[in-house]
N, C-alpha and C. Protein backbone atom coordinates (compact mmCIF):
# COMPACT_ATOMS: atom_id res chain seq x y z
N UNK A 1 -19.88 -63.51 6.96
CA UNK A 1 -19.08 -62.41 7.43
C UNK A 1 -19.97 -61.24 7.79
N UNK A 2 -19.52 -60.53 8.75
CA UNK A 2 -20.25 -59.36 9.23
C UNK A 2 -19.75 -58.12 8.48
N UNK A 3 -20.67 -57.33 7.90
CA UNK A 3 -20.27 -56.17 7.12
C UNK A 3 -19.94 -54.96 7.97
N UNK A 4 -20.36 -54.92 9.20
CA UNK A 4 -20.12 -53.73 10.01
C UNK A 4 -18.79 -53.79 10.78
N UNK A 5 -17.96 -54.76 10.51
CA UNK A 5 -16.62 -54.79 11.13
C UNK A 5 -15.62 -54.16 10.16
N UNK A 6 -14.69 -53.42 10.73
CA UNK A 6 -13.68 -52.76 9.90
C UNK A 6 -12.45 -53.65 9.80
N UNK A 7 -11.83 -53.68 8.65
CA UNK A 7 -10.61 -54.50 8.52
C UNK A 7 -9.47 -53.88 9.32
N UNK A 8 -8.61 -54.73 9.81
CA UNK A 8 -7.49 -54.27 10.62
C UNK A 8 -6.34 -53.72 9.79
N UNK A 9 -6.34 -53.93 8.48
CA UNK A 9 -5.22 -53.49 7.67
C UNK A 9 -5.26 -52.00 7.33
N UNK A 10 -6.24 -51.27 7.82
CA UNK A 10 -6.30 -49.83 7.58
C UNK A 10 -5.49 -49.03 8.60
N UNK A 11 -4.92 -49.71 9.57
CA UNK A 11 -4.14 -49.04 10.60
C UNK A 11 -2.86 -48.49 9.99
N UNK A 12 -2.61 -47.19 10.16
CA UNK A 12 -1.44 -46.53 9.58
C UNK A 12 -0.21 -46.64 10.46
N UNK A 13 -0.34 -47.10 11.66
CA UNK A 13 0.80 -47.18 12.57
C UNK A 13 1.29 -48.62 12.64
N UNK A 14 1.87 -49.10 11.59
CA UNK A 14 2.43 -50.44 11.55
C UNK A 14 3.83 -50.40 12.16
N UNK A 15 3.99 -51.01 13.32
CA UNK A 15 5.27 -50.96 14.02
C UNK A 15 6.30 -51.90 13.43
N UNK A 16 5.88 -52.84 12.59
CA UNK A 16 6.84 -53.79 12.04
C UNK A 16 7.60 -53.22 10.85
N UNK A 17 7.01 -52.36 10.07
CA UNK A 17 7.65 -51.81 8.88
C UNK A 17 8.19 -50.41 9.11
N UNK A 18 8.80 -49.85 8.08
CA UNK A 18 9.32 -48.48 8.21
C UNK A 18 8.17 -47.48 8.29
N UNK A 19 8.43 -46.28 8.81
CA UNK A 19 7.38 -45.27 8.89
C UNK A 19 6.90 -44.88 7.49
N UNK A 20 5.67 -44.41 7.41
CA UNK A 20 5.11 -44.07 6.10
C UNK A 20 5.46 -42.65 5.68
N UNK A 21 5.81 -41.78 6.63
CA UNK A 21 6.18 -40.40 6.30
C UNK A 21 7.64 -40.18 6.66
N UNK A 22 8.32 -39.38 5.83
CA UNK A 22 9.72 -39.11 6.08
C UNK A 22 9.87 -38.26 7.34
N UNK A 23 10.72 -38.70 8.28
CA UNK A 23 10.91 -37.92 9.51
C UNK A 23 11.61 -36.59 9.24
N UNK A 24 11.38 -35.64 10.12
CA UNK A 24 11.94 -34.31 9.97
C UNK A 24 13.47 -34.31 9.93
N UNK A 25 14.19 -35.07 10.78
CA UNK A 25 15.65 -35.06 10.67
C UNK A 25 16.17 -35.53 9.31
N UNK A 26 15.49 -36.48 8.69
CA UNK A 26 15.91 -36.95 7.37
C UNK A 26 15.66 -35.85 6.34
N UNK A 27 14.56 -35.11 6.49
CA UNK A 27 14.30 -33.99 5.59
C UNK A 27 15.38 -32.94 5.68
N UNK A 28 15.82 -32.64 6.91
CA UNK A 28 16.88 -31.64 7.10
C UNK A 28 18.19 -32.13 6.50
N UNK A 29 18.52 -33.39 6.71
CA UNK A 29 19.74 -33.96 6.12
C UNK A 29 19.70 -33.95 4.61
N UNK A 30 18.55 -34.30 4.04
CA UNK A 30 18.41 -34.28 2.58
C UNK A 30 18.51 -32.85 2.05
N UNK A 31 17.94 -31.89 2.78
CA UNK A 31 18.04 -30.49 2.36
C UNK A 31 19.48 -30.02 2.38
N UNK A 32 20.22 -30.34 3.44
CA UNK A 32 21.61 -29.92 3.53
C UNK A 32 22.46 -30.54 2.43
N UNK A 33 22.25 -31.81 2.16
CA UNK A 33 23.01 -32.46 1.09
C UNK A 33 22.60 -31.93 -0.28
N UNK A 34 21.32 -31.59 -0.44
CA UNK A 34 20.88 -30.99 -1.70
C UNK A 34 21.48 -29.62 -1.91
N UNK A 35 21.57 -28.83 -0.85
CA UNK A 35 22.21 -27.52 -0.96
C UNK A 35 23.69 -27.67 -1.29
N UNK A 36 24.35 -28.66 -0.68
CA UNK A 36 25.75 -28.92 -1.01
C UNK A 36 25.89 -29.31 -2.48
N UNK A 37 24.97 -30.13 -2.98
CA UNK A 37 25.03 -30.54 -4.38
C UNK A 37 24.89 -29.35 -5.32
N UNK A 38 23.97 -28.46 -5.01
CA UNK A 38 23.77 -27.29 -5.87
C UNK A 38 24.99 -26.38 -5.84
N UNK A 39 25.51 -26.12 -4.65
CA UNK A 39 26.66 -25.22 -4.54
C UNK A 39 27.91 -25.79 -5.20
N UNK A 40 28.18 -27.06 -4.99
CA UNK A 40 29.36 -27.65 -5.62
C UNK A 40 29.16 -27.82 -7.12
N UNK A 41 27.93 -28.04 -7.55
CA UNK A 41 27.65 -28.08 -8.99
C UNK A 41 27.92 -26.74 -9.65
N UNK A 42 27.47 -25.66 -9.00
CA UNK A 42 27.76 -24.32 -9.52
C UNK A 42 29.26 -24.05 -9.52
N UNK A 43 29.95 -24.50 -8.49
CA UNK A 43 31.40 -24.33 -8.44
C UNK A 43 32.11 -25.08 -9.55
N UNK A 44 31.65 -26.27 -9.85
CA UNK A 44 32.25 -27.04 -10.94
C UNK A 44 32.03 -26.37 -12.29
N UNK A 45 30.83 -25.87 -12.52
CA UNK A 45 30.54 -25.19 -13.78
C UNK A 45 31.34 -23.90 -13.89
N UNK A 46 31.45 -23.16 -12.78
CA UNK A 46 32.22 -21.91 -12.81
C UNK A 46 33.69 -22.17 -13.09
N UNK A 47 34.23 -23.24 -12.52
CA UNK A 47 35.64 -23.57 -12.81
C UNK A 47 35.81 -24.10 -14.23
N UNK A 48 34.79 -24.74 -14.77
CA UNK A 48 34.91 -25.29 -16.11
C UNK A 48 34.87 -24.20 -17.18
N UNK A 49 34.05 -23.19 -16.99
CA UNK A 49 33.91 -22.16 -18.03
C UNK A 49 34.82 -20.96 -17.78
N UNK A 50 35.40 -20.85 -16.61
CA UNK A 50 36.28 -19.72 -16.30
C UNK A 50 37.64 -19.87 -16.95
N UNK A 51 38.33 -18.74 -17.08
CA UNK A 51 39.67 -18.75 -17.68
C UNK A 51 40.71 -19.39 -16.77
N UNK A 52 40.52 -19.25 -15.47
CA UNK A 52 41.49 -19.80 -14.53
C UNK A 52 41.04 -21.13 -13.95
N UNK A 53 40.08 -21.77 -14.59
CA UNK A 53 39.58 -23.04 -14.07
C UNK A 53 40.62 -24.14 -14.13
N UNK A 54 40.62 -24.97 -13.13
CA UNK A 54 41.55 -26.08 -13.06
C UNK A 54 40.77 -27.37 -13.21
N UNK A 55 41.37 -28.30 -13.90
CA UNK A 55 40.68 -29.56 -14.19
C UNK A 55 40.42 -30.35 -12.91
N UNK A 56 41.37 -30.37 -12.00
CA UNK A 56 41.17 -31.16 -10.77
C UNK A 56 40.07 -30.55 -9.91
N UNK A 57 39.90 -29.24 -9.93
CA UNK A 57 38.80 -28.62 -9.16
C UNK A 57 37.46 -28.98 -9.78
N UNK A 58 37.40 -29.01 -11.10
CA UNK A 58 36.15 -29.38 -11.78
C UNK A 58 35.79 -30.82 -11.47
N UNK A 59 36.75 -31.70 -11.51
CA UNK A 59 36.50 -33.12 -11.23
C UNK A 59 36.07 -33.31 -9.77
N UNK A 60 36.78 -32.66 -8.84
CA UNK A 60 36.45 -32.81 -7.43
C UNK A 60 35.06 -32.26 -7.12
N UNK A 61 34.78 -31.03 -7.55
CA UNK A 61 33.48 -30.44 -7.25
C UNK A 61 32.34 -31.18 -7.96
N UNK A 62 32.58 -31.63 -9.17
CA UNK A 62 31.56 -32.39 -9.88
C UNK A 62 31.27 -33.72 -9.22
N UNK A 63 32.31 -34.39 -8.74
CA UNK A 63 32.08 -35.68 -8.07
C UNK A 63 31.38 -35.49 -6.73
N UNK A 64 31.72 -34.43 -5.99
CA UNK A 64 31.02 -34.16 -4.74
C UNK A 64 29.54 -33.88 -5.01
N UNK A 65 29.27 -33.12 -6.08
CA UNK A 65 27.87 -32.83 -6.43
C UNK A 65 27.11 -34.10 -6.79
N UNK A 66 27.71 -34.97 -7.57
CA UNK A 66 27.03 -36.21 -7.96
C UNK A 66 26.79 -37.13 -6.77
N UNK A 67 27.77 -37.25 -5.88
CA UNK A 67 27.60 -38.11 -4.70
C UNK A 67 26.54 -37.52 -3.77
N UNK A 68 26.50 -36.19 -3.65
CA UNK A 68 25.49 -35.57 -2.79
C UNK A 68 24.09 -35.78 -3.36
N UNK A 69 23.94 -35.70 -4.68
CA UNK A 69 22.64 -35.97 -5.30
C UNK A 69 22.24 -37.42 -5.08
N UNK A 70 23.18 -38.34 -5.23
CA UNK A 70 22.88 -39.75 -4.98
C UNK A 70 22.49 -39.99 -3.53
N UNK A 71 23.13 -39.28 -2.59
CA UNK A 71 22.78 -39.41 -1.18
C UNK A 71 21.37 -38.90 -0.92
N UNK A 72 21.01 -37.79 -1.55
CA UNK A 72 19.65 -37.25 -1.38
C UNK A 72 18.62 -38.25 -1.91
N UNK A 73 18.89 -38.82 -3.07
CA UNK A 73 17.95 -39.80 -3.64
C UNK A 73 17.83 -41.01 -2.71
N UNK A 74 18.95 -41.47 -2.18
CA UNK A 74 18.91 -42.61 -1.25
C UNK A 74 18.15 -42.30 0.02
N UNK A 75 18.31 -41.09 0.54
CA UNK A 75 17.59 -40.73 1.77
C UNK A 75 16.10 -40.61 1.52
N UNK A 76 15.72 -40.00 0.42
CA UNK A 76 14.30 -39.82 0.12
C UNK A 76 13.62 -41.17 -0.14
N UNK A 77 14.33 -42.07 -0.77
CA UNK A 77 13.76 -43.39 -1.06
C UNK A 77 13.96 -44.39 0.07
N UNK A 78 14.47 -43.93 1.21
CA UNK A 78 14.66 -44.75 2.41
C UNK A 78 15.58 -45.94 2.16
N UNK A 79 16.71 -45.66 1.53
CA UNK A 79 17.71 -46.69 1.29
C UNK A 79 18.87 -46.51 2.27
N UNK A 80 19.40 -47.62 2.74
CA UNK A 80 20.50 -47.56 3.70
C UNK A 80 21.74 -46.90 3.12
N UNK A 81 22.01 -47.15 1.86
CA UNK A 81 23.22 -46.61 1.25
C UNK A 81 23.17 -45.09 1.15
N UNK A 82 21.99 -44.49 1.25
CA UNK A 82 21.89 -43.03 1.23
C UNK A 82 22.58 -42.40 2.43
N UNK A 83 22.46 -43.04 3.58
CA UNK A 83 23.13 -42.50 4.77
C UNK A 83 24.64 -42.69 4.67
N UNK A 84 25.08 -43.81 4.10
CA UNK A 84 26.51 -44.02 3.94
C UNK A 84 27.11 -42.97 3.01
N UNK A 85 26.43 -42.69 1.91
CA UNK A 85 26.91 -41.65 0.99
C UNK A 85 26.88 -40.27 1.65
N UNK A 86 25.84 -40.02 2.43
CA UNK A 86 25.76 -38.74 3.12
C UNK A 86 26.90 -38.54 4.11
N UNK A 87 27.20 -39.58 4.89
CA UNK A 87 28.32 -39.50 5.82
C UNK A 87 29.64 -39.32 5.07
N UNK A 88 29.80 -40.06 3.98
CA UNK A 88 31.05 -39.99 3.21
C UNK A 88 31.29 -38.64 2.59
N UNK A 89 30.27 -38.05 1.98
CA UNK A 89 30.46 -36.75 1.34
C UNK A 89 30.63 -35.67 2.39
N UNK A 90 29.98 -35.78 3.53
CA UNK A 90 30.18 -34.80 4.61
C UNK A 90 31.60 -34.90 5.17
N UNK A 91 32.12 -36.10 5.31
CA UNK A 91 33.49 -36.27 5.77
C UNK A 91 34.47 -35.74 4.74
N UNK A 92 34.20 -35.97 3.47
CA UNK A 92 35.06 -35.46 2.41
C UNK A 92 35.10 -33.94 2.40
N UNK A 93 33.96 -33.31 2.59
CA UNK A 93 33.91 -31.85 2.65
C UNK A 93 34.63 -31.35 3.89
N UNK A 94 34.46 -32.01 5.02
CA UNK A 94 35.15 -31.60 6.24
C UNK A 94 36.66 -31.71 6.08
N UNK A 95 37.13 -32.77 5.45
CA UNK A 95 38.57 -32.92 5.24
C UNK A 95 39.11 -31.92 4.23
N UNK A 96 38.31 -31.60 3.22
CA UNK A 96 38.76 -30.66 2.19
C UNK A 96 38.83 -29.23 2.70
N UNK A 97 38.13 -28.92 3.78
CA UNK A 97 38.11 -27.55 4.28
C UNK A 97 39.09 -27.31 5.42
N UNK A 98 39.98 -28.23 5.68
CA UNK A 98 40.89 -28.09 6.81
C UNK A 98 42.07 -27.16 6.54
N UNK A 99 42.13 -26.52 5.39
CA UNK A 99 43.26 -25.64 5.08
C UNK A 99 43.18 -24.31 5.81
N UNK A 100 41.99 -23.82 6.09
CA UNK A 100 41.87 -22.56 6.82
C UNK A 100 40.89 -22.75 7.97
N UNK A 101 41.04 -21.90 8.97
CA UNK A 101 40.25 -22.06 10.18
C UNK A 101 38.77 -21.80 9.92
N UNK A 102 38.46 -20.74 9.19
CA UNK A 102 37.06 -20.42 8.92
C UNK A 102 36.35 -21.49 8.11
N UNK A 103 37.03 -21.98 7.08
CA UNK A 103 36.44 -23.04 6.27
C UNK A 103 36.34 -24.34 7.06
N UNK A 104 37.30 -24.59 7.94
CA UNK A 104 37.26 -25.82 8.74
C UNK A 104 36.07 -25.82 9.69
N UNK A 105 35.74 -24.66 10.22
CA UNK A 105 34.58 -24.57 11.11
C UNK A 105 33.31 -24.91 10.33
N UNK A 106 33.22 -24.40 9.11
CA UNK A 106 32.05 -24.69 8.28
C UNK A 106 32.01 -26.17 7.90
N UNK A 107 33.13 -26.73 7.49
CA UNK A 107 33.18 -28.13 7.08
C UNK A 107 32.88 -29.09 8.21
N UNK A 108 33.46 -28.84 9.37
CA UNK A 108 33.21 -29.71 10.52
C UNK A 108 31.79 -29.51 11.03
N UNK A 109 31.28 -28.28 10.94
CA UNK A 109 29.88 -28.03 11.30
C UNK A 109 28.93 -28.76 10.39
N UNK A 110 29.26 -28.81 9.09
CA UNK A 110 28.43 -29.56 8.14
C UNK A 110 28.45 -31.04 8.46
N UNK A 111 29.62 -31.57 8.77
CA UNK A 111 29.72 -32.98 9.15
C UNK A 111 28.91 -33.27 10.41
N UNK A 112 28.99 -32.37 11.40
CA UNK A 112 28.23 -32.56 12.63
C UNK A 112 26.72 -32.49 12.37
N UNK A 113 26.31 -31.60 11.48
CA UNK A 113 24.88 -31.48 11.17
C UNK A 113 24.36 -32.74 10.48
N UNK A 114 25.11 -33.26 9.52
CA UNK A 114 24.68 -34.47 8.82
C UNK A 114 24.66 -35.65 9.79
N UNK A 115 25.69 -35.78 10.61
CA UNK A 115 25.71 -36.88 11.58
C UNK A 115 24.59 -36.73 12.60
N UNK A 116 24.33 -35.51 13.02
CA UNK A 116 23.27 -35.28 13.99
C UNK A 116 21.89 -35.60 13.45
N UNK A 117 21.67 -35.31 12.18
CA UNK A 117 20.34 -35.58 11.62
C UNK A 117 20.15 -37.05 11.28
N UNK A 118 21.19 -37.71 10.80
CA UNK A 118 21.02 -39.10 10.35
C UNK A 118 21.26 -40.13 11.44
N UNK A 119 21.67 -39.70 12.62
CA UNK A 119 21.89 -40.65 13.71
C UNK A 119 20.75 -40.63 14.73
N UNK A 120 19.66 -39.97 14.43
CA UNK A 120 18.51 -39.96 15.33
C UNK A 120 17.74 -41.27 15.20
N UNK A 121 16.93 -41.56 16.18
CA UNK A 121 16.15 -42.80 16.17
C UNK A 121 15.17 -42.83 15.00
N UNK A 122 14.52 -41.71 14.73
CA UNK A 122 13.54 -41.68 13.64
C UNK A 122 14.22 -41.86 12.29
N UNK A 123 15.42 -41.32 12.13
CA UNK A 123 16.15 -41.51 10.87
C UNK A 123 16.59 -42.96 10.71
N UNK A 124 17.03 -43.56 11.81
CA UNK A 124 17.42 -44.97 11.75
C UNK A 124 16.23 -45.87 11.41
N UNK A 125 15.07 -45.56 11.97
CA UNK A 125 13.86 -46.32 11.65
C UNK A 125 13.50 -46.14 10.17
N UNK A 126 13.61 -44.92 9.66
CA UNK A 126 13.26 -44.63 8.28
C UNK A 126 14.19 -45.38 7.32
N UNK A 127 15.47 -45.45 7.68
CA UNK A 127 16.43 -46.09 6.79
C UNK A 127 16.55 -47.59 7.02
N UNK A 128 15.84 -48.12 7.99
CA UNK A 128 15.81 -49.57 8.20
C UNK A 128 16.92 -50.11 9.07
N UNK A 129 17.53 -49.27 9.90
CA UNK A 129 18.60 -49.74 10.78
C UNK A 129 18.07 -50.29 12.09
N UNK A 130 16.90 -49.86 12.51
CA UNK A 130 16.40 -50.28 13.83
C UNK A 130 15.38 -51.39 13.70
């Protein structure tokens, strides 16, 4: 064997496998879902310790927070189910905000942002859809 030849396995641009670095759209989607998890987690705690807290609000906000955290973990670890959870929790938030016009704009905007970030080609490659 010749020692001055370089092995071919050092190439970082392997087109057959998933990318080695998380694409920017997936980072934005994970950030948005993480922010949703933090905000709904704070809302659940505030409803739980407050005098006027309602049990159904605590359960709803807590479950949204847990699903959003699971979606973030799935996206960061490049799992397909992370995108499904992200779409589901964004749709749930969009449907829950349809009671008023201002909240509906925010909820539908959040759904559009999550769909826009996770439906890009680089996100699909990262999650193994392409």
